[in-house]
Amino acid sequence: MYERYEGLIFDMDGTILDTEPTHRKAWNEVLGGYGLSFDMAAMVSLNGSPTWRIAQAIIELNQADLDPHQLAREKTDAVKAMLLDTVQPLPLIEVVKAWHGRRPMAVGTGSERAIAEALLAHLDLRRYFSAVVAADDVKNHKPAPDTFLLCAERMGVAPEKCVVFEDADFGLQAARLAGMDAVDVRLL
């Protein structure tokens, strides 16, 4: 099915790893300390965005006077404290295992490098990927194509010969802008 591609790129959160419940719990914990709330539908629409961008949207929604980068750090710390014990791979990890050694593969995530590397290592999945591109590796985040273009570059594969597996609209848009085919895993 994916034989025509020379490189496979996977989003992480919600695509190969079930991190969403943990992220929601961490946001609830951090925002509760400030008496802030968030709309789940709005959060879902921001999937694939870096944490500081989500924090900015929450701050604007609540008309709060907070630093989005500080709020993002607090949320990241909360996630780190609970992620390794709660996150499990999603069924798409079987595609990763099936193509291991047959095509170069990369992870292109909106998560920070420290979290992505820790999760992949903890679940013994890091070995499947020749590259991991995280939010702190690029200036322009999804829906910009930079994350996936850097994945292709690090795999040594032309962008038009890559396929991206994504669960978020921003990520699917980023793949298209990178000139790559995309698989919306929500439809699998």
C-alpha atoms as a PDB file:
ATOM      1  CA  MET A   1       0.000   0.000   0.000  1.00  0.00           C
ATOM      2  CA  TYR A   2       2.838   2.422   0.794  1.00  0.00           C
ATOM      3  CA  GLU A   3       5.434   0.819  -1.512  1.00  0.00           C
ATOM      4  CA  ARG A   4       5.517   3.823  -3.834  1.00  0.00           C
ATOM      5  CA  TYR A   5       6.883   6.062  -1.072  1.00  0.00           C
ATOM      6  CA  GLU A   6      10.559   6.317  -0.193  1.00  0.00           C
ATOM      7  CA  GLY A   7       9.996   7.811   3.262  1.00  0.00           C
ATOM      8  CA  LEU A   8       7.269   7.573   5.893  1.00  0.00           C
ATOM      9  CA  ILE A   9       6.634  10.392   8.375  1.00  0.00           C
ATOM     10  CA  PHE A  10       4.441  10.020  11.445  1.00  0.00           C
ATOM     11  CA  ASP A  11       2.936  12.635  13.699  1.00  0.00           C
ATOM     12  CA  MET A  12       3.264  11.451  17.295  1.00  0.00           C
ATOM     13  CA  ASP A  13       0.419  12.662  19.539  1.00  0.00           C
ATOM     14  CA  GLY A  14      -2.840  11.017  18.557  1.00  0.00           C
ATOM     15  CA  THR A  15      -1.259   9.240  15.589  1.00  0.00           C
ATOM     16  CA  ILE A  16       1.190   6.680  16.961  1.00  0.00           C
ATOM     17  CA  LEU A  17       0.817   7.430  20.683  1.00  0.00           C
ATOM     18  CA  ASP A  18      -2.328   7.913  22.758  1.00  0.00           C
ATOM     19  CA  THR A  19      -1.199  11.051  24.581  1.00  0.00           C
ATOM     20  CA  GLU A  20      -4.397  13.082  24.387  1.00  0.00           C
ATOM     21  CA  PRO A  21      -5.910  12.016  27.748  1.00  0.00           C
ATOM     22  CA  THR A  22      -2.648  12.865  29.497  1.00  0.00           C
ATOM     23  CA  HIS A  23      -2.410  16.270  27.803  1.00  0.00           C
ATOM     24  CA  ARG A  24      -6.000  17.072  28.818  1.00  0.00           C
ATOM     25  CA  LYS A  25      -5.316  16.029  32.415  1.00  0.00           C
ATOM     26  CA  ALA A  26      -2.167  18.198  32.522  1.00  0.00           C
ATOM     27  CA  TRP A  27      -4.014  21.229  31.115  1.00  0.00           C
ATOM     28  CA  ASN A  28      -6.800  20.749  33.669  1.00  0.00           C
ATOM     29  CA  GLU A  29      -4.262  20.571  36.498  1.00  0.00           C
ATOM     30  CA  VAL A  30      -2.311  23.669  35.432  1.00  0.00           C
ATOM     31  CA  LEU A  31      -5.296  25.805  34.441  1.00  0.00           C
ATOM     32  CA  GLY A  32      -7.159  24.867  37.596  1.00  0.00           C
ATOM     33  CA  GLY A  33      -4.362  26.484  39.591  1.00  0.00           C
ATOM     34  CA  TYR A  34      -5.164  29.781  37.861  1.00  0.00           C
ATOM     35  CA  GLY A  35      -8.923  29.368  37.879  1.00  0.00           C
ATOM     36  CA  LEU A  36      -8.919  29.191  34.068  1.00  0.00           C
ATOM     37  CA  SER A  37     -10.947  26.966  31.778  1.00  0.00           C
ATOM     38  CA  PHE A  38     -10.762  25.852  28.184  1.00  0.00           C
ATOM     39  CA  ASP A  39     -13.115  24.614  25.536  1.00  0.00           C
ATOM     40  CA  MET A  40     -12.311  21.040  24.469  1.00  0.00           C
ATOM     41  CA  ALA A  41     -13.479  21.657  20.888  1.00  0.00           C
ATOM     42  CA  ALA A  42     -11.158  24.659  20.653  1.00  0.00           C
ATOM     43  CA  MET A  43      -8.291  22.562  22.023  1.00  0.00           C
ATOM     44  CA  VAL A  44      -8.890  19.832  19.447  1.00  0.00           C
ATOM     45  CA  SER A  45      -8.788  22.416  16.662  1.00  0.00           C
ATOM     46  CA  LEU A  46      -5.290  23.348  17.848  1.00  0.00           C
ATOM     47  CA  ASN A  47      -3.936  19.777  17.820  1.00  0.00           C
ATOM     48  CA  GLY A  48      -0.473  19.719  16.310  1.00  0.00           C
ATOM     49  CA  SER A  49       0.325  23.236  17.519  1.00  0.00           C
ATOM     50  CA  PRO A  50       3.203  23.854  19.913  1.00  0.00           C
ATOM     51  CA  THR A  51       2.203  24.099  23.570  1.00  0.00           C
ATOM     52  CA  TRP A  52       2.892  27.851  23.817  1.00  0.00           C
ATOM     53  CA  ARG A  53       0.442  28.513  20.959  1.00  0.00           C
ATOM     54  CA  ILE A  54      -2.277  26.525  22.733  1.00  0.00           C
ATOM     55  CA  ALA A  55      -1.443  28.402  25.952  1.00  0.00           C
ATOM     56  CA  GLN A  56      -1.826  31.692  24.079  1.00  0.00           C
ATOM     57  CA  ALA A  57      -5.271  30.665  22.833  1.00  0.00           C
ATOM     58  CA  ILE A  58      -6.332  29.685  26.363  1.00  0.00           C
ATOM     59  CA  ILE A  59      -5.048  32.992  27.760  1.00  0.00           C
ATOM     60  CA  GLU A  60      -6.935  34.953  25.096  1.00  0.00           C
ATOM     61  CA  LEU A  61     -10.117  32.938  25.666  1.00  0.00           C
ATOM     62  CA  ASN A  62      -9.944  33.629  29.412  1.00  0.00           C
ATOM     63  CA  GLN A  63      -8.711  37.225  28.971  1.00  0.00           C
ATOM     64  CA  ALA A  64      -5.942  36.404  31.455  1.00  0.00           C
ATOM     65  CA  ASP A  65      -2.736  38.320  32.028  1.00  0.00           C
ATOM     66  CA  LEU A  66      -0.258  35.440  31.813  1.00  0.00           C
ATOM     67  CA  ASP A  67       2.867  34.663  29.820  1.00  0.00           C
ATOM     68  CA  PRO A  68       2.011  31.901  27.315  1.00  0.00           C
ATOM     69  CA  HIS A  69       5.568  30.535  27.434  1.00  0.00           C
ATOM     70  CA  GLN A  70       5.452  30.244  31.229  1.00  0.00           C
ATOM     71  CA  LEU A  71       2.037  28.589  31.113  1.00  0.00           C
ATOM     72  CA  ALA A  72       3.351  26.202  28.450  1.00  0.00           C
ATOM     73  CA  ARG A  73       6.359  25.324  30.655  1.00  0.00           C
ATOM     74  CA  GLU A  74       4.055  24.550  33.569  1.00  0.00           C
ATOM     75  CA  LYS A  75       1.898  22.332  31.381  1.00  0.00           C
ATOM     76  CA  THR A  76       4.981  20.577  29.954  1.00  0.00           C
ATOM     77  CA  ASP A  77       6.263  19.907  33.479  1.00  0.00           C
ATOM     78  CA  ALA A  78       2.881  18.453  34.436  1.00  0.00           C
ATOM     79  CA  VAL A  79       2.899  16.246  31.335  1.00  0.00           C
ATOM     80  CA  LYS A  80       6.436  15.009  32.035  1.00  0.00           C
ATOM     81  CA  ALA A  81       5.386  14.008  35.540  1.00  0.00           C
ATOM     82  CA  MET A  82       2.591  11.748  34.266  1.00  0.00           C
ATOM     83  CA  LEU A  83       3.319  10.753  30.653  1.00  0.00           C
ATOM     84  CA  LEU A  84       5.652   7.821  31.047  1.00  0.00           C
ATOM     85  CA  ASP A  85       3.150   5.986  33.234  1.00  0.00           C
ATOM     86  CA  THR A  86       0.061   6.618  31.119  1.00  0.00           C
ATOM     87  CA  VAL A  87       0.859   6.704  27.390  1.00  0.00           C
ATOM     88  CA  GLN A  88       0.417   3.648  25.179  1.00  0.00           C
ATOM     89  CA  PRO A  89       0.979   3.138  21.444  1.00  0.00           C
ATOM     90  CA  LEU A  90      -1.986   3.379  19.095  1.00  0.00           C
ATOM     91  CA  PRO A  91      -2.754   0.687  16.480  1.00  0.00           C
ATOM     92  CA  LEU A  92      -0.920   2.616  13.726  1.00  0.00           C
ATOM     93  CA  ILE A  93       2.353   1.578  15.402  1.00  0.00           C
ATOM     94  CA  GLU A  94       1.886  -1.704  13.515  1.00  0.00           C
ATOM     95  CA  VAL A  95       2.491   0.187  10.256  1.00  0.00           C
ATOM     96  CA  VAL A  96       5.738   1.518  11.745  1.00  0.00           C
ATOM     97  CA  LYS A  97       6.848  -1.984  12.733  1.00  0.00           C
ATOM     98  CA  ALA A  98       5.875  -3.431   9.351  1.00  0.00           C
ATOM     99  CA  TRP A  99       7.946  -0.858   7.443  1.00  0.00           C
ATOM    100  CA  HIS A 100      10.946  -0.843   9.796  1.00  0.00           C
ATOM    101  CA  GLY A 101      14.097  -1.586   7.812  1.00  0.00           C
ATOM    102  CA  ARG A 102      12.226  -1.246   4.509  1.00  0.00           C
ATOM    103  CA  ARG A 103      11.940   2.555   4.338  1.00  0.00           C
ATOM    104  CA  PRO A 104      13.409   5.401   6.371  1.00  0.00           C
ATOM    105  CA  MET A 105      10.878   6.763   8.843  1.00  0.00           C
ATOM    106  CA  ALA A 106      10.647   9.914  10.932  1.00  0.00           C
ATOM    107  CA  VAL A 107       8.472  11.438  13.618  1.00  0.00           C
ATOM    108  CA  GLY A 108       7.322  15.020  13.010  1.00  0.00           C
ATOM    109  CA  THR A 109       5.663  16.304  16.159  1.00  0.00           C
ATOM    110  CA  GLY A 110       4.401  19.515  17.701  1.00  0.00           C
ATOM    111  CA  SER A 111       5.618  18.231  21.073  1.00  0.00           C
ATOM    112  CA  GLU A 112       8.898  19.372  22.556  1.00  0.00           C
ATOM    113  CA  ARG A 113      11.963  17.226  21.838  1.00  0.00           C
ATOM    114  CA  ALA A 114      12.481  16.202  25.468  1.00  0.00           C
ATOM    115  CA  ILE A 115       8.959  14.784  25.694  1.00  0.00           C
ATOM    116  CA  ALA A 116       9.042  13.109  22.278  1.00  0.00           C
ATOM    117  CA  GLU A 117      12.415  11.453  22.860  1.00  0.00           C
ATOM    118  CA  ALA A 118      11.471  10.336  26.391  1.00  0.00           C
ATOM    119  CA  LEU A 119       8.196   8.781  25.249  1.00  0.00           C
ATOM    120  CA  LEU A 120       9.654   7.018  22.228  1.00  0.00           C
ATOM    121  CA  ALA A 121      12.553   5.654  24.293  1.00  0.00           C
ATOM    122  CA  HIS A 122      10.317   4.573  27.199  1.00  0.00           C
ATOM    123  CA  LEU A 123       8.036   2.627  24.847  1.00  0.00           C
ATOM    124  CA  ASP A 124      11.052   1.174  22.963  1.00  0.00           C
ATOM    125  CA  LEU A 125       9.939   2.860  19.730  1.00  0.00           C
ATOM    126  CA  ARG A 126      12.802   5.307  19.102  1.00  0.00           C
ATOM    127  CA  ARG A 127      14.803   2.644  17.257  1.00  0.00           C
ATOM    128  CA  TYR A 128      12.234   2.586  14.431  1.00  0.00           C
ATOM    129  CA  PHE A 129      12.864   6.190  13.397  1.00  0.00           C
ATOM    130  CA  SER A 130      15.928   7.627  11.697  1.00  0.00           C
ATOM    131  CA  ALA A 131      14.829  11.142  12.669  1.00  0.00           C
ATOM    132  CA  VAL A 132      12.650  12.950  15.166  1.00  0.00           C
ATOM    133  CA  VAL A 133      11.702  16.558  14.438  1.00  0.00           C
ATOM    134  CA  ALA A 134      10.044  18.324  17.359  1.00  0.00           C
ATOM    135  CA  ALA A 135       8.577  21.763  18.027  1.00  0.00           C
ATOM    136  CA  ASP A 136      11.901  23.120  19.230  1.00  0.00           C
ATOM    137  CA  ASP A 137      13.609  22.093  15.958  1.00  0.00           C
ATOM    138  CA  VAL A 138      11.642  24.447  13.703  1.00  0.00           C
ATOM    139  CA  LYS A 139      10.712  28.111  13.741  1.00  0.00           C
ATOM    140  CA  ASN A 140       7.435  27.747  11.828  1.00  0.00           C
ATOM    141  CA  HIS A 141       5.123  25.080  13.232  1.00  0.00           C
ATOM    142  CA  LYS A 142       2.248  23.166  11.676  1.00  0.00           C
ATOM    143  CA  PRO A 143       0.326  24.166   9.574  1.00  0.00           C
ATOM    144  CA  ALA A 144       3.590  25.451   8.050  1.00  0.00           C
ATOM    145  CA  PRO A 145       5.440  22.635   6.231  1.00  0.00           C
ATOM    146  CA  ASP A 146       8.759  23.094   8.071  1.00  0.00           C
ATOM    147  CA  THR A 147       8.432  20.094  10.420  1.00  0.00           C
ATOM    148  CA  PHE A 148       7.801  17.631   7.616  1.00  0.00           C
ATOM    149  CA  LEU A 149      10.339  19.196   5.258  1.00  0.00           C
ATOM    150  CA  LEU A 150      13.011  18.813   7.951  1.00  0.00           C
ATOM    151  CA  CYS A 151      11.930  15.184   8.479  1.00  0.00           C
ATOM    152  CA  ALA A 152      12.416  14.505   4.753  1.00  0.00           C
ATOM    153  CA  GLU A 153      15.779  16.250   4.776  1.00  0.00           C
ATOM    154  CA  ARG A 154      17.005  14.264   7.780  1.00  0.00           C
ATOM    155  CA  MET A 155      15.830  10.999   6.180  1.00  0.00           C
ATOM    156  CA  GLY A 156      17.534  11.956   2.909  1.00  0.00           C
ATOM    157  CA  VAL A 157      14.293  11.612   0.939  1.00  0.00           C
ATOM    158  CA  ALA A 158      12.747  14.136  -1.458  1.00  0.00           C
ATOM    159  CA  PRO A 159       9.543  15.620   0.032  1.00  0.00           C
ATOM    160  CA  GLU A 160       7.379  14.511  -2.904  1.00  0.00           C
ATOM    161  CA  LYS A 161       8.440  10.912  -2.232  1.00  0.00           C
ATOM    162  CA  CYS A 162       7.175  10.978   1.375  1.00  0.00           C
ATOM    163  CA  VAL A 163       3.839  10.175   2.944  1.00  0.00           C
ATOM    164  CA  VAL A 164       2.706  11.714   6.231  1.00  0.00           C
ATOM    165  CA  PHE A 165       0.411  10.021   8.760  1.00  0.00           C
ATOM    166  CA  GLU A 166      -1.541  12.643  10.726  1.00  0.00           C
ATOM    167  CA  ASP A 167      -4.558  13.007  13.005  1.00  0.00           C
ATOM    168  CA  ALA A 168      -4.929  16.805  12.960  1.00  0.00           C
ATOM    169  CA  ASP A 169      -6.067  19.322  10.363  1.00  0.00           C
ATOM    170  CA  PHE A 170      -2.970  21.507  10.938  1.00  0.00           C
ATOM    171  CA  GLY A 171      -0.723  18.518  10.253  1.00  0.00           C
ATOM    172  CA  LEU A 172      -2.595  17.492   7.121  1.00  0.00           C
ATOM    173  CA  GLN A 173      -2.318  21.054   5.835  1.00  0.00           C
ATOM    174  CA  ALA A 174       1.424  21.063   6.646  1.00  0.00           C
ATOM    175  CA  ALA A 175       1.908  17.830   4.685  1.00  0.00           C
ATOM    176  CA  ARG A 176       0.121  19.256   1.644  1.00  0.00           C
ATOM    177  CA  LEU A 177       2.181  22.454   1.815  1.00  0.00           C
ATOM    178  CA  ALA A 178       5.338  20.305   1.969  1.00  0.00           C
ATOM    179  CA  GLY A 179       4.290  18.624  -1.292  1.00  0.00           C
ATOM    180  CA  MET A 180       3.691  15.285   0.430  1.00  0.00           C
ATOM    181  CA  ASP A 181       0.806  12.884   0.346  1.00  0.00           C
ATOM    182  CA  ALA A 182      -1.002  12.523   3.641  1.00  0.00           C
ATOM    183  CA  VAL A 183      -3.039   9.847   5.386  1.00  0.00           C
ATOM    184  CA  ASP A 184      -5.711  11.118   7.771  1.00  0.00           C
ATOM    185  CA  VAL A 185      -5.491   8.419  10.438  1.00  0.00           C
ATOM    186  CA  ARG A 186      -8.887   9.477  11.819  1.00  0.00           C
ATOM    187  CA  LEU A 187     -10.367   7.830   8.719  1.00  0.00           C
ATOM    188  CA  LEU A 188      -8.541   4.497   9.114  1.00  0.00           C
END
